[in-house]
């Protein structure tokens, strides 16, 4: 009975996406010069960094099926347009904004602030990942050949402004547009103080994708090896600084660590540790399983956290913040969006993929079923999908009409079938 119901929900979700996909495939407008994909709902006309990646991730999985395959070329065109729009607005020092939004400004707002000398966060590490995603689908990297120089500058900008050589981790500049908007490990904390597990885990894959682009486009094997080695060093740094052996969990860490001398005080043993763990358990602590650098032993411990009903386990997937954290909250909020406990489909998918990576098929199937049920019931009751959900009741919290990474519920089902 349950299997038949989930299949019905799966069909319902697919039907909704097929019916509404045209609403997120946008034409060029203003200083957004290329076709692009927006998340839907209140984000009409916005080009976002990691949002576009996950939209493309979901849409390419469906591209040959949606409307009999008639949209495949259009989806590819808009996917490439996402990349082209961000490259179009790269500044001379390599900075690329996280988001491009039309408004009262003559160019992206974040670029304007950057030109004023106000350093803010830049494009999250999904640019090379999106290029690889599209190119692998099309079996053609040639379209990205002209971007090699710009991608090198993108990484140079990251290393110059957001990288701490000691402890060899990347940091957020501030808490603006960090993906998990109000992650307590970064939200409200001092600038350049948090090496977030979210940022660093995704960066390991971004560096590897840059190596793949170099090998595919110009066969620059030496430079590709440089990026692979940089990714390996970053993985080692995350293991060294972010994994807590007592809690058996990956945390973001505070890098604002130094001996603060005053007069003749503190002349003895100084601060020799590089970071302090910010012991707040968020869903991003599972990212090393998605990225594939967690050990088998670490993965087994993370699965225990995933299954713990007092922390992350929910009938609708995974809570974005552990339920026993004092910041746990289900408020209706936008700018920042609320990641203090609500269920988000992108978190469900990433945890699902990590489970599958390490052979936890039964657990992966469970979160897949929970995700299908969550969206299927929403469509049944409201005729729409929403941005995030109550982890206890499954009720939508806000922003109906949101499509974006909700598509990933179908990826889960397809990937489980493919693995059979």
Protein backbone atom coordinates (compact mmCIF):
# COMPACT_ATOMS: atom_id res chain seq x y z
CA UNK A 1 0.00 0.00 0.00
CA UNK A 2 2.78 2.41 1.00
CA UNK A 3 4.73 1.63 -2.19
CA UNK A 4 1.69 2.36 -4.36
CA UNK A 5 1.05 5.62 -2.51
CA UNK A 6 4.65 6.77 -2.96
CA UNK A 7 4.46 5.95 -6.66
CA UNK A 8 1.32 8.04 -6.90
CA UNK A 9 3.06 10.94 -5.17
CA UNK A 10 6.03 10.54 -7.48
CA UNK A 11 3.76 10.87 -10.52
CA UNK A 12 2.00 13.85 -8.98
CA UNK A 13 5.31 15.65 -8.34
CA UNK A 14 6.47 14.92 -11.89
CA UNK A 15 3.19 16.22 -13.31
CA UNK A 16 3.46 19.44 -11.33
CA UNK A 17 7.03 20.04 -12.51
CA UNK A 18 6.14 19.29 -16.13
CA UNK A 19 3.20 21.68 -15.93
CA UNK A 20 5.20 24.51 -14.33
CA UNK A 21 8.76 24.10 -15.60
CA UNK A 22 8.33 26.86 -18.19
CA UNK A 23 7.75 29.37 -15.40
CA UNK A 24 11.35 29.04 -14.15
CA UNK A 25 13.06 29.00 -17.57
CA UNK A 26 13.56 32.73 -18.01
CA UNK A 27 14.55 34.87 -20.97
CA UNK A 28 17.35 37.47 -20.79
CA UNK A 29 16.23 40.69 -19.15
CA UNK A 30 18.05 43.92 -18.29
CA UNK A 31 21.68 43.23 -17.39
CA UNK A 32 20.94 39.49 -17.19
CA UNK A 33 22.09 38.89 -20.75
CA UNK A 34 21.55 35.13 -21.11
CA UNK A 35 18.65 32.73 -20.50
CA UNK A 36 18.60 31.50 -16.90
CA UNK A 37 16.73 29.42 -14.34
CA UNK A 38 15.19 30.92 -11.21
CA UNK A 39 13.83 29.03 -8.17
CA UNK A 40 10.20 30.09 -8.66
CA UNK A 41 7.89 31.58 -6.01
CA UNK A 42 9.11 34.93 -4.59
CA UNK A 43 12.46 34.54 -6.35
CA UNK A 44 11.15 35.40 -9.79
CA UNK A 45 13.92 36.85 -11.96
CA UNK A 46 16.80 36.01 -9.58
CA UNK A 47 19.92 34.10 -10.67
CA UNK A 48 21.34 32.33 -7.61
CA UNK A 49 24.57 30.37 -7.34
CA UNK A 50 23.87 27.05 -5.64
CA UNK A 51 20.14 27.23 -6.41
CA UNK A 52 20.80 27.17 -10.16
CA UNK A 53 23.15 24.22 -9.72
CA UNK A 54 20.53 22.10 -7.98
CA UNK A 55 17.80 23.19 -10.40
CA UNK A 56 19.96 22.04 -13.29
CA UNK A 57 20.84 18.85 -11.39
CA UNK A 58 17.16 18.00 -11.14
CA UNK A 59 16.06 19.23 -14.57
CA UNK A 60 18.78 17.36 -16.49
CA UNK A 61 17.60 14.17 -14.83
CA UNK A 62 14.16 14.82 -16.37
CA UNK A 63 15.19 16.58 -19.58
CA UNK A 64 14.57 13.64 -21.93
CA UNK A 65 11.12 13.00 -20.40
CA UNK A 66 9.57 16.42 -19.81
CA UNK A 67 7.02 17.06 -22.55
CA UNK A 68 8.38 14.17 -24.54
CA UNK A 69 11.90 15.59 -24.54
CA UNK A 70 10.81 18.79 -26.26
CA UNK A 71 12.42 20.91 -23.52
CA UNK A 72 15.83 19.22 -23.48
CA UNK A 73 17.63 21.78 -25.67
CA UNK A 74 15.95 24.65 -23.83
CA UNK A 75 17.01 23.31 -20.44
CA UNK A 76 20.60 22.96 -21.63
CA UNK A 77 20.54 26.48 -23.09
CA UNK A 78 19.28 27.92 -19.80
CA UNK A 79 21.73 25.86 -17.75
CA UNK A 80 24.65 27.20 -19.77
CA UNK A 81 23.07 30.64 -19.47
CA UNK A 82 23.32 30.44 -15.68
CA UNK A 83 27.08 30.07 -15.97
CA UNK A 84 27.37 32.71 -18.67
CA UNK A 85 25.46 35.25 -16.61
CA UNK A 86 27.79 34.85 -13.65
CA UNK A 87 30.88 34.99 -15.89
CA UNK A 88 29.42 38.06 -17.56
CA UNK A 89 29.44 39.86 -14.20
CA UNK A 90 32.85 38.79 -12.95
CA UNK A 91 34.94 41.75 -11.78
CA UNK A 92 38.62 42.26 -12.74
CA UNK A 93 39.93 40.82 -9.45
CA UNK A 94 37.99 37.59 -10.02
CA UNK A 95 35.05 38.35 -7.73
CA UNK A 96 31.73 36.84 -8.86
CA UNK A 97 28.50 37.72 -7.02
CA UNK A 98 26.38 35.11 -5.27
CA UNK A 99 23.21 36.40 -6.84
CA UNK A 100 22.17 38.56 -9.77
CA UNK A 101 18.92 40.41 -9.23
CA UNK A 102 17.30 43.08 -11.33
CA UNK A 103 16.36 46.18 -9.36
CA UNK A 104 17.02 49.85 -9.21
CA UNK A 105 20.74 49.35 -9.79
CA UNK A 106 22.71 49.46 -13.06
CA UNK A 107 24.53 46.20 -12.20
CA UNK A 108 24.34 43.46 -9.55
CA UNK A 109 24.15 44.98 -6.07
CA UNK A 110 26.96 42.81 -4.68
CA UNK A 111 29.28 43.98 -7.46
CA UNK A 112 28.50 47.58 -6.63
CA UNK A 113 29.43 47.03 -2.97
CA UNK A 114 32.60 45.19 -3.99
CA UNK A 115 33.66 48.11 -6.18
CA UNK A 116 33.12 50.41 -3.21
CA UNK A 117 35.70 48.37 -1.33
CA UNK A 118 33.17 46.53 0.85
CA UNK A 119 34.19 42.89 0.77
CA UNK A 120 31.24 40.52 0.87
CA UNK A 121 30.78 36.81 0.22
CA UNK A 122 31.27 35.67 -3.36
CA UNK A 123 29.75 32.97 -5.56
CA UNK A 124 29.49 29.76 -3.54
CA UNK A 125 31.63 26.87 -4.86
CA UNK A 126 29.18 25.61 -7.46
CA UNK A 127 30.45 27.28 -10.63
CA UNK A 128 32.81 24.52 -11.79
CA UNK A 129 30.36 21.94 -10.49
CA UNK A 130 27.63 23.35 -12.72
CA UNK A 131 29.98 23.44 -15.74
CA UNK A 132 30.84 19.76 -15.19
CA UNK A 133 27.22 18.83 -14.63
CA UNK A 134 26.17 20.37 -17.95
CA UNK A 135 29.24 19.22 -19.88
CA UNK A 136 28.98 15.63 -18.71
CA UNK A 137 25.33 15.56 -19.73
CA UNK A 138 26.11 17.00 -23.18
CA UNK A 139 29.39 15.06 -23.47
CA UNK A 140 31.01 18.33 -24.49
CA UNK A 141 33.28 20.64 -22.51
CA UNK A 142 34.14 22.82 -25.51
CA UNK A 143 31.57 25.50 -24.66
CA UNK A 144 33.45 26.21 -21.41
CA UNK A 145 36.92 26.52 -22.99
CA UNK A 146 36.84 30.31 -23.03
CA UNK A 147 36.23 30.47 -19.28
CA UNK A 148 39.47 28.88 -18.05
CA UNK A 149 41.15 32.22 -17.36
CA UNK A 150 38.11 33.54 -15.53
CA UNK A 151 37.85 30.39 -13.43
CA UNK A 152 41.51 30.72 -12.44
CA UNK A 153 40.80 34.28 -11.29
CA UNK A 154 37.72 33.08 -9.40
CA UNK A 155 39.86 30.71 -7.35
CA UNK A 156 42.56 33.37 -6.93
CA UNK A 157 39.93 35.70 -5.46
CA UNK A 158 38.79 32.98 -3.08
CA UNK A 159 42.37 32.29 -1.97
CA UNK A 160 43.25 35.95 -1.55
CA UNK A 161 40.18 37.02 0.42
CA UNK A 162 38.55 33.97 2.03
CA UNK A 163 41.33 31.45 2.73
CA UNK A 164 43.24 31.08 6.00
CA UNK A 165 46.61 29.47 5.28
CA UNK A 166 46.71 28.32 8.87
CA UNK A 167 44.50 26.14 9.30
CA UNK A 168 44.16 25.76 5.47
CA UNK A 169 40.39 26.33 5.47
CA UNK A 170 38.02 28.73 3.72
CA UNK A 171 35.94 31.21 5.69
CA UNK A 172 32.80 33.21 5.07
CA UNK A 173 33.32 36.96 5.01
CA UNK A 174 30.03 37.49 6.84
CA UNK A 175 26.60 35.88 7.19
CA UNK A 176 25.05 37.30 4.00
CA UNK A 177 23.62 34.78 1.51
CA UNK A 178 25.61 31.83 2.85
CA UNK A 179 23.19 29.21 1.55
CA UNK A 180 22.11 28.00 4.98
CA UNK A 181 21.13 31.59 5.73
CA UNK A 182 20.89 31.63 9.52
CA UNK A 183 23.32 28.83 10.36
CA UNK A 184 24.24 29.70 13.98
CA UNK A 185 27.87 28.80 13.27
CA UNK A 186 28.08 31.90 11.05
CA UNK A 187 24.91 33.95 11.56
CA UNK A 188 25.55 36.98 13.75
CA UNK A 189 29.21 36.14 14.31
CA UNK A 190 32.23 38.37 13.54
CA UNK A 191 33.40 38.73 9.96
CA UNK A 192 35.97 36.22 8.74
CA UNK A 193 35.69 34.16 11.91
CA UNK A 194 33.96 30.97 10.71
CA UNK A 195 35.40 28.21 8.56
CA UNK A 196 32.02 26.72 7.79
CA UNK A 197 31.73 23.00 7.10
CA UNK A 198 29.21 23.85 4.35
CA UNK A 199 31.66 26.08 2.47
CA UNK A 200 34.67 23.81 2.84
CA UNK A 201 32.95 20.54 1.99
CA UNK A 202 31.47 21.93 -1.21
CA UNK A 203 34.81 23.56 -2.07
CA UNK A 204 36.52 20.15 -2.16
CA UNK A 205 34.24 19.15 -5.02
CA UNK A 206 34.61 22.54 -6.73
CA UNK A 207 38.39 22.14 -6.85
CA UNK A 208 38.09 18.63 -8.28
CA UNK A 209 35.68 19.88 -10.93
CA UNK A 210 38.16 22.59 -11.94
CA UNK A 211 40.72 19.83 -12.48
CA UNK A 212 38.23 17.93 -14.67
CA UNK A 213 37.54 21.04 -16.75
CA UNK A 214 41.25 21.64 -17.30
CA UNK A 215 41.83 18.04 -18.38
CA UNK A 216 38.82 18.05 -20.70
CA UNK A 217 39.38 21.46 -22.30
CA UNK A 218 43.10 21.90 -22.77
CA UNK A 219 44.72 18.75 -21.38
CA UNK A 220 46.67 20.84 -18.85
CA UNK A 221 47.43 17.85 -16.66
CA UNK A 222 49.98 19.64 -14.46
CA UNK A 223 47.52 22.37 -13.54
CA UNK A 224 44.78 19.79 -13.05
CA UNK A 225 47.01 17.91 -10.63
CA UNK A 226 47.58 21.18 -8.74
CA UNK A 227 43.83 21.54 -8.16
CA UNK A 228 43.46 17.89 -7.18
CA UNK A 229 46.25 18.23 -4.64
CA UNK A 230 44.66 21.40 -3.28
CA UNK A 231 41.37 19.52 -2.85
CA UNK A 232 43.20 16.71 -1.03
CA UNK A 233 44.87 19.19 1.32
CA UNK A 234 41.51 20.77 2.05
CA UNK A 235 39.98 17.37 2.84
CA UNK A 236 42.83 16.68 5.27
CA UNK A 237 42.34 20.07 6.91
CA UNK A 238 38.61 19.41 7.35
CA UNK A 239 39.37 16.03 8.89
CA UNK A 240 41.98 17.55 11.20
CA UNK A 241 40.06 20.65 12.30
CA UNK A 242 36.35 19.92 11.85
CA UNK A 243 35.81 16.32 12.92
CA UNK A 244 35.13 15.94 16.63
CA UNK A 245 36.31 12.53 17.83
CA UNK A 246 34.24 12.74 21.01
CA UNK A 247 30.94 13.73 19.38
CA UNK A 248 31.76 11.85 16.16
CA UNK A 249 30.40 14.70 14.07
CA UNK A 250 31.72 17.35 11.67
CA UNK A 251 31.45 20.94 12.89
CA UNK A 252 32.18 24.40 11.55
CA UNK A 253 35.12 25.96 13.38
CA UNK A 254 36.17 29.37 14.70
CA UNK A 255 39.44 30.55 13.13
CA UNK A 256 39.77 33.80 15.11
CA UNK A 257 42.33 32.13 17.35
CA UNK A 258 45.52 33.82 18.51
CA UNK A 259 47.45 34.73 21.63
CA UNK A 260 46.24 38.18 22.66
CA UNK A 261 49.18 39.69 24.49
CA UNK A 262 48.94 42.71 26.74
CA UNK A 263 51.97 44.31 28.35
CA UNK A 264 53.84 41.42 30.03
CA UNK A 265 50.80 39.16 30.28
CA UNK A 266 50.57 35.98 28.23
CA UNK A 267 54.32 35.73 27.65
CA UNK A 268 54.33 32.01 28.43
CA UNK A 269 52.68 29.24 26.48
CA UNK A 270 50.55 30.85 23.81
CA UNK A 271 47.64 29.59 21.74
CA UNK A 272 49.00 26.75 19.64
CA UNK A 273 45.69 25.29 18.40
CA UNK A 274 44.44 26.58 15.05
CA UNK A 275 40.67 26.47 15.51
CA UNK A 276 37.92 25.97 18.05
CA UNK A 277 34.91 23.80 17.14
CA UNK A 278 31.57 25.58 17.02
CA UNK A 279 29.60 22.72 18.50
CA UNK A 280 26.25 23.29 16.87
CA UNK A 281 24.90 20.29 14.99
CA UNK A 282 23.49 21.23 11.61
CA UNK A 283 22.61 19.10 8.59
CA UNK A 284 25.82 20.30 6.89
CA UNK A 285 27.75 18.06 9.28
CA UNK A 286 26.71 15.22 6.95
CA UNK A 287 28.28 16.84 3.88
CA UNK A 288 31.55 14.86 4.09
CA UNK A 289 29.49 11.78 3.17
CA UNK A 290 28.11 13.58 0.11
CA UNK A 291 31.62 14.76 -0.83
CA UNK A 292 33.02 11.29 -0.22
CA UNK A 293 35.92 12.08 2.11
CA UNK A 294 34.36 10.78 5.34
CA UNK A 295 35.94 7.50 6.41
CA UNK A 296 33.79 4.38 6.63
CA UNK A 297 33.96 4.62 10.43
CA UNK A 298 32.91 8.27 10.40
CA UNK A 299 30.03 7.50 8.04
CA UNK A 300 28.78 4.78 10.39
CA UNK A 301 28.73 7.29 13.26
CA UNK A 302 27.01 9.95 11.14
CA UNK A 303 24.27 7.45 10.29
CA UNK A 304 23.61 7.11 14.02
CA UNK A 305 23.11 10.89 14.19
CA UNK A 306 20.82 10.71 11.17
CA UNK A 307 18.64 8.10 12.88
CA UNK A 308 18.50 9.81 16.28
CA UNK A 309 14.91 10.96 16.91
CA UNK A 310 16.06 13.41 19.58
CA UNK A 311 18.26 15.28 17.10
CA UNK A 312 17.90 14.99 13.31
CA UNK A 313 15.39 12.27 12.52
CA UNK A 314 11.97 13.43 11.32
CA UNK A 315 9.03 11.67 9.62
CA UNK A 316 9.67 14.02 6.68
CA UNK A 317 13.42 13.73 6.32
CA UNK A 318 16.18 15.46 8.22
CA UNK A 319 15.85 18.57 10.37
CA UNK A 320 18.31 21.25 9.29
CA UNK A 321 19.28 21.88 12.92
CA UNK A 322 19.34 19.25 15.64
CA UNK A 323 16.14 19.42 17.68
CA UNK A 324 17.99 19.65 20.99
CA UNK A 325 19.94 22.77 20.02
CA UNK A 326 18.73 25.88 21.85
CA UNK A 327 18.44 27.76 18.52
CA UNK A 328 15.93 25.26 17.10
CA UNK A 329 13.07 27.35 15.73
CA UNK A 330 10.37 27.03 13.07
CA UNK A 331 9.55 30.70 12.53
CA UNK A 332 8.19 31.92 9.20
CA UNK A 333 10.98 34.11 7.88
CA UNK A 334 12.52 35.22 4.62
CA UNK A 335 15.82 37.10 4.28
CA UNK A 336 17.14 35.21 6.08
CA UNK A 337 15.33 32.01 5.23
CA UNK A 338 14.94 29.69 8.19
CA UNK A 339 17.37 26.77 8.45
CA UNK A 340 17.00 26.35 12.21
CA UNK A 341 15.08 23.10 11.99
CA UNK A 342 12.62 23.12 9.05
CA UNK A 343 12.93 20.38 6.44
CA UNK A 344 14.46 21.52 3.16
CA UNK A 345 14.47 19.17 0.18
CA UNK A 346 18.04 20.03 -0.77
CA UNK A 347 19.24 18.89 2.66
CA UNK A 348 17.17 15.71 2.33
CA UNK A 349 18.72 15.00 -1.07
CA UNK A 350 22.32 15.67 -0.04
CA UNK A 351 22.00 13.43 3.02
CA UNK A 352 20.28 10.82 0.82
CA UNK A 353 23.16 10.89 -1.66
CA UNK A 354 25.71 10.60 1.13
CA UNK A 355 23.92 7.56 2.53
CA UNK A 356 23.85 5.94 -0.89
CA UNK A 357 27.55 6.73 -1.43
CA UNK A 358 28.44 4.66 1.62
CA UNK A 359 26.07 1.77 0.98
CA UNK A 360 23.26 2.71 3.39
CA UNK A 361 20.57 1.91 0.88
CA UNK A 362 17.78 1.18 3.38
CA UNK A 363 18.30 4.53 5.10
CA UNK A 364 18.50 6.30 1.74
CA UNK A 365 15.23 4.68 0.64
CA UNK A 366 13.57 5.88 3.83
CA UNK A 367 14.47 9.55 3.30
CA UNK A 368 13.46 9.23 -0.35
CA UNK A 369 10.03 7.97 0.66
CA UNK A 370 9.68 10.71 3.27
CA UNK A 371 10.52 13.35 0.67
CA UNK A 372 8.05 12.01 -1.89
CA UNK A 373 5.35 11.89 0.76
CA UNK A 374 6.12 15.41 1.97
CA UNK A 375 5.82 17.01 -1.48
CA UNK A 376 3.02 14.71 -2.61
CA UNK A 377 0.83 15.60 0.36
CA UNK A 378 1.59 19.29 -0.14
CA UNK A 379 0.41 19.07 -3.75
CA UNK A 380 -2.63 17.11 -2.63
CA UNK A 381 -3.62 19.74 -0.07
CA UNK A 382 -2.46 23.03 -1.61
CA UNK A 383 -1.85 22.28 -5.29
CA UNK A 384 1.68 23.65 -4.90
CA UNK A 385 5.13 22.95 -3.46
CA UNK A 386 6.76 25.17 -0.85
CA UNK A 387 10.26 26.26 0.08
CA UNK A 388 10.50 24.55 3.47
CA UNK A 389 8.40 22.48 5.86
CA UNK A 390 7.54 21.75 9.48
CA UNK A 391 9.53 18.64 10.52
CA UNK A 392 6.82 17.42 12.90
CA UNK A 393 3.65 17.86 10.88
CA UNK A 394 4.95 18.10 7.31
CA UNK A 395 2.94 21.28 6.84
CA UNK A 396 4.45 23.89 4.49
CA UNK A 397 5.93 26.92 6.22
CA UNK A 398 6.21 29.44 3.41
CA UNK A 399 6.68 30.40 -0.26
CA UNK A 400 4.28 28.36 -2.33
CA UNK A 401 5.21 27.85 -5.98
CA UNK A 402 8.82 27.03 -5.10
CA UNK A 403 10.27 24.50 -7.55
CA UNK A 404 14.08 24.70 -7.56
CA UNK A 405 15.65 21.82 -5.62
CA UNK A 406 12.29 20.26 -4.74
CA UNK A 407 12.81 18.46 -8.06
CA UNK A 408 15.48 16.40 -6.29
CA UNK A 409 12.80 14.19 -4.73
CA UNK A 410 12.51 12.61 -8.19
CA UNK A 411 16.29 12.24 -8.42
CA UNK A 412 16.17 10.20 -5.23
CA UNK A 413 13.62 7.79 -6.63
CA UNK A 414 15.44 7.48 -9.96
CA UNK A 415 18.84 6.98 -8.34
CA UNK A 416 17.54 4.24 -6.09
CA UNK A 417 16.11 2.44 -9.11
CA UNK A 418 19.30 2.92 -11.11
CA UNK A 419 21.38 1.40 -8.31
CA UNK A 420 19.30 -1.77 -8.43
